[in-house]
Amino acid sequence: VRTDGLLVIAEGEFEGMDKTQKEPSRRLLQAGDYILKVNGEEVTTKNAFMEMVSNSSGEEMVLTIRRNEEVFEVKIKPEMNDEGEYKLGIWIRDNAQGVGTMTYLQEDYSFGALGHGINDTDTAVLMDVRSGSLYRTEIVSVKKGEGGTPGELTGIIDYNLKNKIGVIDKNSIEGIFGTVSESAAASIQAEPMAIGLKQEVRLGEAQILCCVDGETQPCLYTVEITGVHLDHDNVNRGLELKVTDPLLLERTGGIVQGMSGSPILQDGKIIGAVTHVLVNDPAKGYGIFIENMLT
């Protein structure tokens, strides 16, 4: 995904040519800000922004900033570091990538995935997304989860156009959403499944559908629904679940990173998606109700 503006991760100081500490962005920018324009010119990539700063000759720059819902301008004068380069003393990010699971595909080719939003790894804030692409991923290894250490699926993403299967146009707390190409949708061999509403979910046995350990097709694994919270303050934790399938426990230790979005099925219906793992007990985790992803 590409961020809608350049995300400020942090601001700090650096050593100048005169051996003193410089901090040109102090109290002007903060983590979570988005840089939208420089001197009135829209900027969309980190490299372009760095070049603007480098070529500033130390002259004052006017940055258009979005902070939460407010858009305003700040004036910052770049300072020269000890290598003779002009800097603002900030760390920025313009994209993010990772491995996750598609939850559903609808007849109109729209999809939902992850069951939670993409948050910046440094600031933990939900990323404002301008655009994004969906790619096929090959899982090459599994790091097994243990108490206190979450596991993960390690995947290889070949950013070749032939592996691109869709576009991402929304990042929200309920997941990422977009459209799958018609050709990619045609290659998915599956029958439509009924939706189980919140009130239909019951405690007891269920299944999760996921790909692990290099499988080419998703497999069903048994879990137990141990908690149902119809009005939980955290939409991503409406369901509590415990992995009971011996094969999945042997392979992954339970729920691991990369399984977010794995469909949760019960009584022949899709009722939700896996969202989080309990770090201290990887066999346990949380899920979101499917109707929260669909509304």
Protein backbone atom coordinates (compact mmCIF):
# COMPACT_ATOMS: atom_id res chain seq x y z
CA VAL A 1 0.00 0.00 0.00
CA ARG A 2 1.03 3.60 -0.65
CA THR A 3 0.34 6.13 2.06
CA ASP A 4 -1.85 9.17 1.41
CA GLY A 5 0.99 11.61 1.98
CA LEU A 6 4.33 10.91 3.63
CA LEU A 7 3.94 9.49 7.14
CA VAL A 8 6.23 11.02 9.76
CA ILE A 9 7.52 8.17 11.95
CA ALA A 10 9.62 10.28 14.30
CA GLU A 11 11.58 13.50 14.59
CA GLY A 12 14.95 13.95 16.24
CA GLU A 13 18.35 15.57 16.09
CA PHE A 14 21.59 15.21 14.15
CA GLU A 15 25.09 16.62 14.32
CA GLY A 16 25.81 19.68 12.20
CA MET A 17 28.97 20.89 10.51
CA ASP A 18 29.78 22.96 13.60
CA LYS A 19 29.53 19.79 15.80
CA THR A 20 26.38 21.06 17.53
CA GLN A 21 23.10 19.14 17.61
CA LYS A 22 20.48 20.28 15.10
CA GLU A 23 16.74 19.65 15.41
CA PRO A 24 14.93 21.77 12.76
CA SER A 25 11.63 19.86 13.06
CA ARG A 26 11.39 19.92 16.86
CA ARG A 27 7.93 21.06 18.04
CA LEU A 28 6.84 21.56 14.42
CA LEU A 29 6.30 17.97 13.28
CA GLN A 30 5.37 14.89 15.25
CA ALA A 31 4.92 11.16 14.74
CA GLY A 32 1.67 10.44 12.89
CA ASP A 33 1.74 13.61 10.77
CA TYR A 34 1.33 13.31 7.01
CA ILE A 35 3.32 15.62 4.70
CA LEU A 36 1.10 16.45 1.73
CA LYS A 37 2.93 19.28 -0.07
CA VAL A 38 6.26 21.09 -0.15
CA ASN A 39 6.09 24.78 -1.12
CA GLY A 40 2.65 24.13 -2.59
CA GLU A 41 3.80 21.16 -4.69
CA GLU A 42 2.24 17.77 -3.97
CA VAL A 43 4.74 15.13 -2.86
CA THR A 44 3.95 11.41 -2.91
CA THR A 45 7.27 9.57 -2.57
CA LYS A 46 9.97 9.57 0.07
CA ASN A 47 12.73 9.87 -2.52
CA ALA A 48 11.17 12.96 -4.12
CA PHE A 49 10.82 14.61 -0.72
CA MET A 50 14.41 13.86 0.26
CA GLU A 51 15.59 15.35 -3.02
CA MET A 52 13.60 18.54 -2.35
CA VAL A 53 15.23 18.89 1.06
CA SER A 54 18.68 18.12 -0.34
CA ASN A 55 18.27 20.78 -3.05
CA SER A 56 16.82 23.42 -0.70
CA SER A 57 20.17 25.21 -0.18
CA GLY A 58 19.05 25.65 3.40
CA GLU A 59 16.18 27.95 2.44
CA GLU A 60 12.97 27.83 4.47
CA MET A 61 10.43 25.26 3.25
CA VAL A 62 6.66 25.42 3.67
CA LEU A 63 5.18 21.98 4.40
CA THR A 64 1.46 21.26 4.19
CA ILE A 65 0.66 18.85 7.02
CA ARG A 66 -2.36 16.71 7.89
CA ARG A 67 -2.59 15.92 11.60
CA ASN A 68 -5.65 13.84 12.43
CA GLU A 69 -8.39 15.72 10.54
CA GLU A 70 -6.67 19.11 10.49
CA VAL A 71 -4.62 20.41 7.54
CA PHE A 72 -2.20 23.29 8.11
CA GLU A 73 1.17 24.67 7.02
CA VAL A 74 4.48 24.84 8.88
CA LYS A 75 7.70 26.60 7.95
CA ILE A 76 10.94 24.67 8.48
CA LYS A 77 14.50 25.65 7.66
CA PRO A 78 16.71 22.66 6.73
CA GLU A 79 20.06 22.41 8.51
CA MET A 80 23.32 20.98 7.17
CA ASN A 81 24.58 17.80 8.81
CA ASP A 82 28.21 16.85 9.46
CA GLU A 83 28.45 15.41 5.94
CA GLY A 84 27.37 18.65 4.28
CA GLU A 85 23.82 17.47 3.44
CA TYR A 86 20.65 19.41 4.23
CA LYS A 87 18.28 17.55 6.55
CA LEU A 88 15.07 18.13 8.50
CA GLY A 89 15.72 15.56 11.22
CA ILE A 90 12.68 13.37 10.53
CA TRP A 91 12.05 9.75 9.56
CA ILE A 92 9.31 9.20 7.00
CA ARG A 93 7.53 6.31 5.30
CA ASP A 94 5.58 6.19 2.04
CA ASN A 95 4.55 2.53 1.81
CA ALA A 96 4.02 -0.74 3.66
CA GLN A 97 3.84 -4.37 2.64
CA GLY A 98 3.19 -7.69 4.30
CA VAL A 99 1.56 -11.11 4.21
CA GLY A 100 -2.05 -11.64 5.21
CA THR A 101 -5.10 -13.71 4.31
CA MET A 102 -8.03 -12.79 2.09
CA THR A 103 -11.25 -13.37 4.01
CA TYR A 104 -13.89 -13.26 1.30
CA LEU A 105 -14.59 -12.49 -2.35
CA GLN A 106 -18.03 -11.34 -3.46
CA GLU A 107 -19.76 -11.82 -6.80
CA ASP A 108 -18.98 -8.21 -7.78
CA TYR A 109 -15.24 -9.04 -7.33
CA SER A 110 -14.93 -6.94 -4.17
CA PHE A 111 -12.85 -8.48 -1.39
CA GLY A 112 -12.13 -8.06 2.30
CA ALA A 113 -8.95 -9.18 4.05
CA LEU A 114 -7.04 -9.21 7.38
CA GLY A 115 -9.97 -8.39 9.65
CA HIS A 116 -7.98 -5.47 11.05
CA GLY A 117 -6.34 -2.41 9.56
CA ILE A 118 -2.72 -1.93 8.55
CA ASN A 119 -1.05 0.05 11.33
CA ASP A 120 2.37 1.63 11.04
CA THR A 121 4.92 -0.56 12.82
CA ASP A 122 6.62 2.40 14.54
CA THR A 123 3.77 4.76 15.44
CA ALA A 124 1.01 2.10 15.73
CA VAL A 125 -1.42 4.48 14.00
CA LEU A 126 -3.81 3.30 11.29
CA MET A 127 -2.17 4.20 7.98
CA ASP A 128 -3.97 6.55 5.60
CA VAL A 129 -3.81 4.66 2.30
CA ARG A 130 -3.80 6.32 -1.12
CA SER A 131 -3.65 3.10 -3.14
CA GLY A 132 -2.40 -0.44 -2.99
CA SER A 133 -2.01 -3.73 -4.83
CA LEU A 134 -2.91 -7.31 -3.99
CA TYR A 135 -0.46 -10.07 -4.93
CA ARG A 136 -0.33 -13.83 -4.75
CA THR A 137 2.04 -14.97 -2.03
CA GLU A 138 3.92 -18.22 -1.63
CA ILE A 139 4.37 -19.35 1.98
CA VAL A 140 7.87 -20.79 2.28
CA SER A 141 8.25 -21.39 6.02
CA VAL A 142 6.49 -21.20 9.36
CA LYS A 143 7.92 -19.85 12.59
CA LYS A 144 6.06 -21.71 15.30
CA GLY A 145 4.44 -19.60 18.01
CA GLU A 146 5.48 -20.09 21.62
CA GLY A 147 4.39 -18.50 24.88
CA GLY A 148 5.62 -14.89 24.82
CA THR A 149 6.83 -15.07 21.20
CA PRO A 150 4.30 -14.88 18.35
CA GLY A 151 4.93 -17.07 15.32
CA GLU A 152 4.63 -16.01 11.70
CA LEU A 153 4.16 -17.22 8.17
CA THR A 154 7.11 -16.28 5.97
CA GLY A 155 6.05 -15.56 2.42
CA ILE A 156 7.68 -14.57 -0.84
CA ILE A 157 5.97 -11.86 -2.86
CA ASP A 158 7.08 -11.52 -6.47
CA TYR A 159 6.01 -8.01 -7.48
CA ASN A 160 5.56 -9.10 -11.07
CA LEU A 161 2.44 -7.92 -12.87
CA LYS A 162 1.43 -11.53 -13.52
CA ASN A 163 1.17 -12.05 -9.74
CA LYS A 164 -0.92 -8.94 -9.16
CA ILE A 165 -4.52 -10.03 -8.61
CA GLY A 166 -6.25 -6.87 -7.44
CA VAL A 167 -6.21 -3.36 -6.04
CA ILE A 168 -6.59 -2.08 -2.49
CA ASP A 169 -8.55 1.13 -2.04
CA LYS A 170 -9.49 1.16 1.65
CA ASN A 171 -7.67 0.56 4.93
CA SER A 172 -9.91 0.64 8.00
CA ILE A 173 -10.03 -0.86 11.47
CA GLU A 174 -12.18 -3.68 10.04
CA GLY A 175 -9.59 -4.67 7.42
CA ILE A 176 -8.37 -3.84 3.94
CA PHE A 177 -10.79 -3.77 1.03
CA GLY A 178 -10.68 -3.49 -2.73
CA THR A 179 -11.36 -5.33 -5.98
CA VAL A 180 -9.95 -8.54 -7.43
CA SER A 181 -9.40 -8.70 -11.19
CA GLU A 182 -11.94 -10.69 -13.19
CA SER A 183 -9.30 -13.17 -14.38
CA ALA A 184 -8.00 -13.78 -10.85
CA ALA A 185 -11.53 -14.21 -9.52
CA ALA A 186 -12.26 -16.78 -12.23
CA SER A 187 -9.32 -18.89 -11.05
CA ILE A 188 -10.70 -19.22 -7.53
CA GLN A 189 -12.62 -22.48 -7.32
CA ALA A 190 -15.16 -22.10 -4.54
CA GLU A 191 -18.89 -22.09 -3.95
CA PRO A 192 -20.68 -19.11 -2.38
CA MET A 193 -21.18 -19.45 1.36
CA ALA A 194 -23.95 -18.15 3.59
CA ILE A 195 -23.18 -15.50 6.22
CA GLY A 196 -23.70 -16.24 9.89
CA LEU A 197 -24.86 -13.16 11.81
CA LYS A 198 -23.63 -12.28 15.29
CA GLN A 199 -26.75 -13.66 16.94
CA GLU A 200 -26.24 -17.03 15.23
CA VAL A 201 -22.72 -17.57 16.56
CA ARG A 202 -22.55 -20.07 19.41
CA LEU A 203 -19.90 -21.33 21.77
CA GLY A 204 -18.31 -24.58 20.71
CA GLU A 205 -16.70 -26.13 17.67
CA ALA A 206 -15.91 -24.15 14.53
CA GLN A 207 -13.26 -24.15 11.80
CA ILE A 208 -10.76 -21.75 10.34
CA LEU A 209 -9.72 -21.85 6.70
CA CYS A 210 -6.09 -21.02 6.01
CA CYS A 211 -2.91 -21.84 4.08
CA VAL A 212 0.23 -22.80 5.99
CA ASP A 213 3.48 -24.57 5.27
CA GLY A 214 3.46 -24.17 1.48
CA GLU A 215 -0.05 -25.52 0.89
CA THR A 216 -1.44 -24.60 -2.51
CA GLN A 217 -5.05 -24.80 -1.32
CA PRO A 218 -6.50 -23.61 1.98
CA CYS A 219 -7.36 -26.31 4.54
CA LEU A 220 -9.91 -26.46 7.32
CA TYR A 221 -8.68 -26.70 10.91
CA THR A 222 -10.84 -27.13 14.00
CA VAL A 223 -11.12 -24.43 16.65
CA GLU A 224 -13.38 -23.77 19.59
CA ILE A 225 -15.34 -20.53 20.01
CA THR A 226 -14.81 -19.73 23.69
CA GLY A 227 -16.33 -16.26 23.84
CA VAL A 228 -18.90 -14.18 21.94
CA HIS A 229 -19.06 -10.44 22.62
CA LEU A 230 -21.85 -8.83 20.62
CA ASP A 231 -21.06 -5.27 21.73
CA HIS A 232 -17.32 -5.37 22.42
CA ASP A 233 -15.65 -1.95 22.44
CA ASN A 234 -12.91 -3.41 20.23
CA VAL A 235 -14.53 -4.48 16.95
CA ASN A 236 -11.57 -6.76 16.20
CA ARG A 237 -12.17 -8.86 19.32
CA GLY A 238 -15.83 -9.81 19.11
CA LEU A 239 -14.93 -13.51 19.04
CA GLU A 240 -12.61 -15.47 21.29
CA LEU A 241 -11.26 -18.71 19.91
CA LYS A 242 -8.90 -21.55 20.74
CA VAL A 243 -7.14 -23.77 18.20
CA THR A 244 -7.85 -27.43 18.94
CA ASP A 245 -6.70 -29.05 15.69
CA PRO A 246 -3.64 -31.26 16.46
CA LEU A 247 -2.14 -30.79 12.98
CA LEU A 248 -2.31 -26.98 13.10
CA LEU A 249 -0.93 -26.94 16.64
CA GLU A 250 1.95 -29.11 15.49
CA ARG A 251 2.68 -26.93 12.46
CA THR A 252 2.23 -23.43 13.87
CA GLY A 253 1.58 -23.67 17.61
CA GLY A 254 -1.80 -22.06 16.98
CA ILE A 255 -2.44 -18.63 15.47
CA VAL A 256 0.53 -16.87 13.85
CA GLN A 257 1.13 -13.61 12.03
CA GLY A 258 -0.01 -13.90 8.44
CA MET A 259 -3.16 -15.81 9.40
CA SER A 260 -5.04 -12.57 10.04
CA GLY A 261 -8.14 -12.63 7.86
CA SER A 262 -8.50 -16.42 7.87
CA PRO A 263 -12.24 -17.13 7.64
CA ILE A 264 -13.95 -18.57 10.71
CA LEU A 265 -16.71 -21.03 9.77
CA GLN A 266 -19.48 -22.55 11.86
CA ASP A 267 -22.48 -24.66 10.85
CA GLY A 268 -21.67 -24.19 7.16
CA LYS A 269 -21.59 -20.41 7.36
CA ILE A 270 -18.83 -17.80 7.48
CA ILE A 271 -19.10 -16.03 10.84
CA GLY A 272 -15.90 -14.01 11.04
CA ALA A 273 -12.17 -13.76 10.52
CA VAL A 274 -9.11 -14.32 12.70
CA THR A 275 -7.54 -11.02 13.83
CA HIS A 276 -5.15 -11.44 16.77
CA VAL A 277 -3.24 -14.01 18.76
CA LEU A 278 -2.70 -14.05 22.51
CA VAL A 279 1.07 -13.58 22.76
CA ASN A 280 1.30 -15.58 25.99
CA ASP A 281 -0.76 -18.46 24.55
CA PRO A 282 -0.56 -18.78 20.74
CA ALA A 283 -3.31 -21.41 20.72
CA LYS A 284 -5.78 -18.66 21.66
CA GLY A 285 -6.81 -15.56 19.81
CA TYR A 286 -9.56 -13.22 18.65
CA GLY A 287 -11.73 -12.68 15.64
CA ILE A 288 -14.01 -10.09 14.07
CA PHE A 289 -17.65 -10.79 13.14
CA ILE A 290 -18.06 -11.09 9.38
CA GLU A 291 -20.90 -8.57 9.37
CA ASN A 292 -18.54 -5.94 10.76
CA MET A 293 -16.32 -6.45 7.72
CA LEU A 294 -19.27 -6.32 5.32
CA THR A 295 -20.85 -3.12 6.66
